N, C-alpha and C. Protein backbone atom coordinates (compact mmCIF):
# COMPACT_ATOMS: atom_id res chain seq x y z
N UNK A 1 34.57 10.90 -42.34
CA UNK A 1 33.25 10.83 -41.81
C UNK A 1 33.31 11.11 -40.30
N UNK A 2 32.40 11.94 -39.84
CA UNK A 2 32.34 12.31 -38.43
C UNK A 2 31.15 11.62 -37.78
N UNK A 3 31.40 11.01 -36.66
CA UNK A 3 30.32 10.38 -35.91
C UNK A 3 30.01 11.23 -34.69
N UNK A 4 28.75 11.41 -34.43
CA UNK A 4 28.34 12.12 -33.23
C UNK A 4 27.83 11.09 -32.23
N UNK A 5 28.31 11.22 -31.04
CA UNK A 5 27.88 10.32 -29.98
C UNK A 5 26.92 11.05 -29.05
N UNK A 6 25.89 10.39 -28.71
CA UNK A 6 24.98 10.93 -27.69
C UNK A 6 25.36 10.29 -26.37
N UNK A 7 25.56 11.12 -25.39
CA UNK A 7 25.94 10.63 -24.07
C UNK A 7 24.78 10.90 -23.12
N UNK A 8 24.36 9.87 -22.47
CA UNK A 8 23.30 10.00 -21.48
C UNK A 8 23.91 9.74 -20.11
N UNK A 9 23.72 10.67 -19.24
CA UNK A 9 24.24 10.53 -17.88
C UNK A 9 23.07 10.23 -16.96
N UNK A 10 23.13 9.08 -16.37
CA UNK A 10 22.09 8.69 -15.42
C UNK A 10 22.56 9.11 -14.03
N UNK A 11 21.80 9.93 -13.42
CA UNK A 11 22.20 10.32 -12.08
C UNK A 11 21.36 9.55 -11.07
N UNK A 12 22.02 8.92 -10.17
CA UNK A 12 21.38 8.18 -9.09
C UNK A 12 21.85 8.83 -7.79
N UNK A 13 20.99 8.82 -6.83
CA UNK A 13 21.33 9.37 -5.53
C UNK A 13 21.47 8.23 -4.54
N UNK A 14 22.55 8.28 -3.79
CA UNK A 14 22.81 7.23 -2.81
C UNK A 14 22.84 7.83 -1.41
N UNK A 15 22.31 7.09 -0.48
CA UNK A 15 22.28 7.51 0.91
C UNK A 15 22.81 6.36 1.75
N UNK A 16 23.65 6.69 2.71
CA UNK A 16 24.10 5.72 3.70
C UNK A 16 23.61 6.22 5.05
N UNK A 17 22.68 5.51 5.62
CA UNK A 17 22.12 5.89 6.92
C UNK A 17 22.62 4.92 7.97
N UNK A 18 23.04 5.45 9.10
CA UNK A 18 23.53 4.61 10.19
C UNK A 18 22.72 4.88 11.44
N UNK A 19 22.26 3.81 12.05
CA UNK A 19 21.51 3.92 13.30
C UNK A 19 22.20 3.00 14.31
N UNK A 20 22.46 3.55 15.48
CA UNK A 20 23.01 2.73 16.56
C UNK A 20 21.97 2.76 17.68
N UNK A 21 21.41 1.61 17.96
CA UNK A 21 20.33 1.53 18.94
C UNK A 21 20.82 0.91 20.23
N UNK A 22 20.13 1.23 21.30
CA UNK A 22 20.44 0.58 22.57
C UNK A 22 20.06 -0.89 22.43
N UNK A 23 20.85 -1.77 23.01
CA UNK A 23 20.60 -3.21 22.85
C UNK A 23 19.18 -3.65 23.17
N UNK A 24 18.56 -3.03 24.15
CA UNK A 24 17.20 -3.47 24.54
C UNK A 24 16.14 -3.10 23.50
N UNK A 25 16.47 -2.23 22.55
CA UNK A 25 15.53 -1.83 21.50
C UNK A 25 15.88 -2.43 20.14
N UNK A 26 16.98 -3.17 20.09
CA UNK A 26 17.50 -3.64 18.80
C UNK A 26 16.48 -4.48 18.02
N UNK A 27 15.86 -5.44 18.63
CA UNK A 27 14.93 -6.32 17.92
C UNK A 27 13.72 -5.55 17.41
N UNK A 28 13.18 -4.64 18.23
CA UNK A 28 12.05 -3.82 17.79
C UNK A 28 12.42 -2.98 16.58
N UNK A 29 13.58 -2.35 16.65
CA UNK A 29 14.03 -1.48 15.56
C UNK A 29 14.28 -2.30 14.29
N UNK A 30 14.91 -3.44 14.41
CA UNK A 30 15.14 -4.28 13.24
C UNK A 30 13.83 -4.72 12.59
N UNK A 31 12.84 -5.06 13.40
CA UNK A 31 11.54 -5.44 12.85
C UNK A 31 10.89 -4.28 12.12
N UNK A 32 10.96 -3.09 12.71
CA UNK A 32 10.39 -1.90 12.05
C UNK A 32 11.12 -1.61 10.74
N UNK A 33 12.43 -1.71 10.78
CA UNK A 33 13.21 -1.43 9.57
C UNK A 33 12.93 -2.44 8.47
N UNK A 34 12.69 -3.69 8.83
CA UNK A 34 12.37 -4.69 7.82
C UNK A 34 11.03 -4.37 7.16
N UNK A 35 10.07 -3.93 7.94
CA UNK A 35 8.77 -3.54 7.40
C UNK A 35 8.93 -2.37 6.44
N UNK A 36 9.72 -1.37 6.85
CA UNK A 36 9.95 -0.20 5.99
C UNK A 36 10.72 -0.61 4.73
N UNK A 37 11.67 -1.50 4.88
CA UNK A 37 12.45 -1.97 3.73
C UNK A 37 11.55 -2.63 2.70
N UNK A 38 10.67 -3.49 3.14
CA UNK A 38 9.76 -4.18 2.23
C UNK A 38 8.89 -3.19 1.46
N UNK A 39 8.34 -2.20 2.16
CA UNK A 39 7.48 -1.20 1.52
C UNK A 39 8.28 -0.28 0.60
N UNK A 40 9.47 0.11 1.04
CA UNK A 40 10.30 1.04 0.27
C UNK A 40 10.73 0.44 -1.05
N UNK A 41 11.06 -0.83 -1.05
CA UNK A 41 11.50 -1.49 -2.28
C UNK A 41 10.42 -1.49 -3.36
N UNK A 42 9.17 -1.28 -2.97
CA UNK A 42 8.06 -1.24 -3.93
C UNK A 42 7.81 0.16 -4.48
N UNK A 43 8.50 1.16 -3.94
CA UNK A 43 8.30 2.53 -4.39
C UNK A 43 8.89 2.71 -5.79
N UNK A 44 8.19 3.49 -6.59
CA UNK A 44 8.56 3.71 -7.99
C UNK A 44 10.01 4.20 -8.15
N UNK A 45 10.44 5.13 -7.34
CA UNK A 45 11.76 5.74 -7.51
C UNK A 45 12.90 5.05 -6.80
N UNK A 46 12.61 3.94 -6.13
CA UNK A 46 13.66 3.24 -5.40
C UNK A 46 14.39 2.27 -6.31
N UNK A 47 15.70 2.34 -6.28
CA UNK A 47 16.54 1.39 -7.03
C UNK A 47 16.95 0.25 -6.11
N UNK A 48 17.41 0.60 -4.91
CA UNK A 48 17.74 -0.43 -3.93
C UNK A 48 17.66 0.15 -2.52
N UNK A 49 17.40 -0.73 -1.58
CA UNK A 49 17.28 -0.35 -0.16
C UNK A 49 17.70 -1.58 0.62
N UNK A 50 18.90 -1.54 1.19
CA UNK A 50 19.50 -2.74 1.79
C UNK A 50 19.88 -2.46 3.25
N UNK A 51 19.45 -3.35 4.13
CA UNK A 51 19.82 -3.28 5.54
C UNK A 51 21.06 -4.11 5.80
N UNK A 52 21.95 -3.56 6.61
CA UNK A 52 23.13 -4.30 7.05
C UNK A 52 23.25 -4.14 8.56
N UNK A 53 23.77 -5.16 9.20
CA UNK A 53 24.04 -5.10 10.62
C UNK A 53 25.53 -5.32 10.81
N UNK A 54 26.17 -4.42 11.53
CA UNK A 54 27.61 -4.48 11.74
C UNK A 54 27.99 -5.78 12.45
N UNK A 55 28.99 -6.48 11.92
CA UNK A 55 29.38 -7.76 12.53
C UNK A 55 30.13 -7.58 13.85
N UNK A 56 30.67 -6.39 14.07
CA UNK A 56 31.39 -6.13 15.32
C UNK A 56 30.51 -5.48 16.38
N UNK A 57 29.39 -4.91 15.96
CA UNK A 57 28.47 -4.24 16.87
C UNK A 57 27.06 -4.44 16.34
N UNK A 58 26.37 -5.43 16.85
CA UNK A 58 25.05 -5.77 16.32
C UNK A 58 23.99 -4.70 16.57
N UNK A 59 24.32 -3.71 17.38
CA UNK A 59 23.40 -2.60 17.60
C UNK A 59 23.55 -1.50 16.54
N UNK A 60 24.54 -1.66 15.68
CA UNK A 60 24.78 -0.68 14.61
C UNK A 60 24.16 -1.21 13.32
N UNK A 61 23.21 -0.44 12.79
CA UNK A 61 22.48 -0.83 11.59
C UNK A 61 22.78 0.19 10.50
N UNK A 62 23.14 -0.30 9.34
CA UNK A 62 23.46 0.57 8.20
C UNK A 62 22.45 0.30 7.10
N UNK A 63 21.90 1.37 6.54
CA UNK A 63 20.95 1.25 5.44
C UNK A 63 21.59 1.89 4.21
N UNK A 64 21.74 1.10 3.16
CA UNK A 64 22.26 1.60 1.89
C UNK A 64 21.08 1.81 0.96
N UNK A 65 20.90 3.06 0.54
CA UNK A 65 19.76 3.41 -0.30
C UNK A 65 20.24 3.93 -1.65
N UNK A 66 19.50 3.62 -2.70
CA UNK A 66 19.80 4.17 -4.01
C UNK A 66 18.46 4.58 -4.64
N UNK A 67 18.43 5.82 -5.12
CA UNK A 67 17.20 6.42 -5.63
C UNK A 67 17.40 6.98 -7.03
N UNK A 68 16.31 7.01 -7.81
CA UNK A 68 16.36 7.54 -9.17
C UNK A 68 16.47 9.06 -9.20
N UNK A 69 15.93 9.73 -8.18
CA UNK A 69 15.93 11.20 -8.19
C UNK A 69 15.68 11.74 -6.79
N UNK A 70 15.91 13.04 -6.66
CA UNK A 70 15.58 13.71 -5.39
C UNK A 70 14.08 13.67 -5.15
N UNK A 71 13.31 13.75 -6.21
CA UNK A 71 11.85 13.68 -6.09
C UNK A 71 11.42 12.33 -5.48
N UNK A 72 12.11 11.27 -5.86
CA UNK A 72 11.80 9.95 -5.30
C UNK A 72 12.10 9.91 -3.80
N UNK A 73 13.19 10.54 -3.40
CA UNK A 73 13.53 10.60 -1.97
C UNK A 73 12.49 11.44 -1.23
N UNK A 74 12.11 12.56 -1.82
CA UNK A 74 11.11 13.42 -1.19
C UNK A 74 9.79 12.67 -1.01
N UNK A 75 9.41 11.91 -2.03
CA UNK A 75 8.19 11.10 -1.95
C UNK A 75 8.32 10.08 -0.82
N UNK A 76 9.44 9.39 -0.79
CA UNK A 76 9.69 8.37 0.24
C UNK A 76 9.57 8.97 1.64
N UNK A 77 10.14 10.15 1.82
CA UNK A 77 10.13 10.79 3.14
C UNK A 77 8.72 11.14 3.62
N UNK A 78 7.75 11.15 2.71
CA UNK A 78 6.37 11.48 3.07
C UNK A 78 5.48 10.24 3.15
N UNK A 79 6.02 9.07 2.83
CA UNK A 79 5.19 7.86 2.86
C UNK A 79 4.81 7.51 4.29
N UNK A 80 3.69 6.84 4.41
CA UNK A 80 3.19 6.46 5.73
C UNK A 80 4.20 5.59 6.47
N UNK A 81 4.79 4.62 5.77
CA UNK A 81 5.72 3.71 6.47
C UNK A 81 6.96 4.43 6.98
N UNK A 82 7.44 5.43 6.23
CA UNK A 82 8.63 6.16 6.69
C UNK A 82 8.28 7.11 7.84
N UNK A 83 7.14 7.78 7.75
CA UNK A 83 6.72 8.70 8.81
C UNK A 83 6.51 7.94 10.12
N UNK A 84 5.90 6.76 10.03
CA UNK A 84 5.71 5.92 11.22
C UNK A 84 7.06 5.51 11.80
N UNK A 85 7.99 5.12 10.93
CA UNK A 85 9.32 4.73 11.40
C UNK A 85 9.99 5.87 12.17
N UNK A 86 9.97 7.08 11.59
CA UNK A 86 10.59 8.23 12.27
C UNK A 86 9.96 8.47 13.63
N UNK A 87 8.64 8.37 13.69
CA UNK A 87 7.93 8.58 14.96
C UNK A 87 8.33 7.51 15.96
N UNK A 88 8.34 6.27 15.55
CA UNK A 88 8.68 5.16 16.45
C UNK A 88 10.14 5.21 16.89
N UNK A 89 11.03 5.56 15.99
CA UNK A 89 12.44 5.67 16.38
C UNK A 89 12.63 6.77 17.41
N UNK A 90 11.82 7.81 17.32
CA UNK A 90 11.88 8.90 18.29
C UNK A 90 11.50 8.47 19.70
N UNK A 91 10.76 7.38 19.81
CA UNK A 91 10.33 6.87 21.12
C UNK A 91 11.37 5.94 21.74
N UNK A 92 12.35 5.53 20.95
CA UNK A 92 13.38 4.60 21.42
C UNK A 92 14.73 5.30 21.37
N UNK A 93 15.31 5.48 22.53
CA UNK A 93 16.61 6.17 22.55
C UNK A 93 17.64 5.44 21.68
N UNK A 94 18.35 6.22 20.90
CA UNK A 94 19.44 5.66 20.13
C UNK A 94 20.74 6.19 20.71
N UNK A 95 21.81 5.53 20.42
CA UNK A 95 23.11 5.90 20.98
C UNK A 95 23.65 7.10 20.23
């Protein structure tokens, strides 16, 4: 008897984003990122979106993202909260 197996490959996309901010802008940037994190986690295509702060350099912020598809990332990049974040980060010099 021959058994046929169906194999389903789930493809997830992962992004590691690193931001190093000047110390005087750190609190503002962290607050903005928390707002974006809260909104992003509610997006349909988001699997996870986690902020980390480097224990050796508190000005270094790492964002670990996991998405269901490229379309989900494209959607995220057009959301109001992400567009505002990009604009605001542009006003604060990063290292």
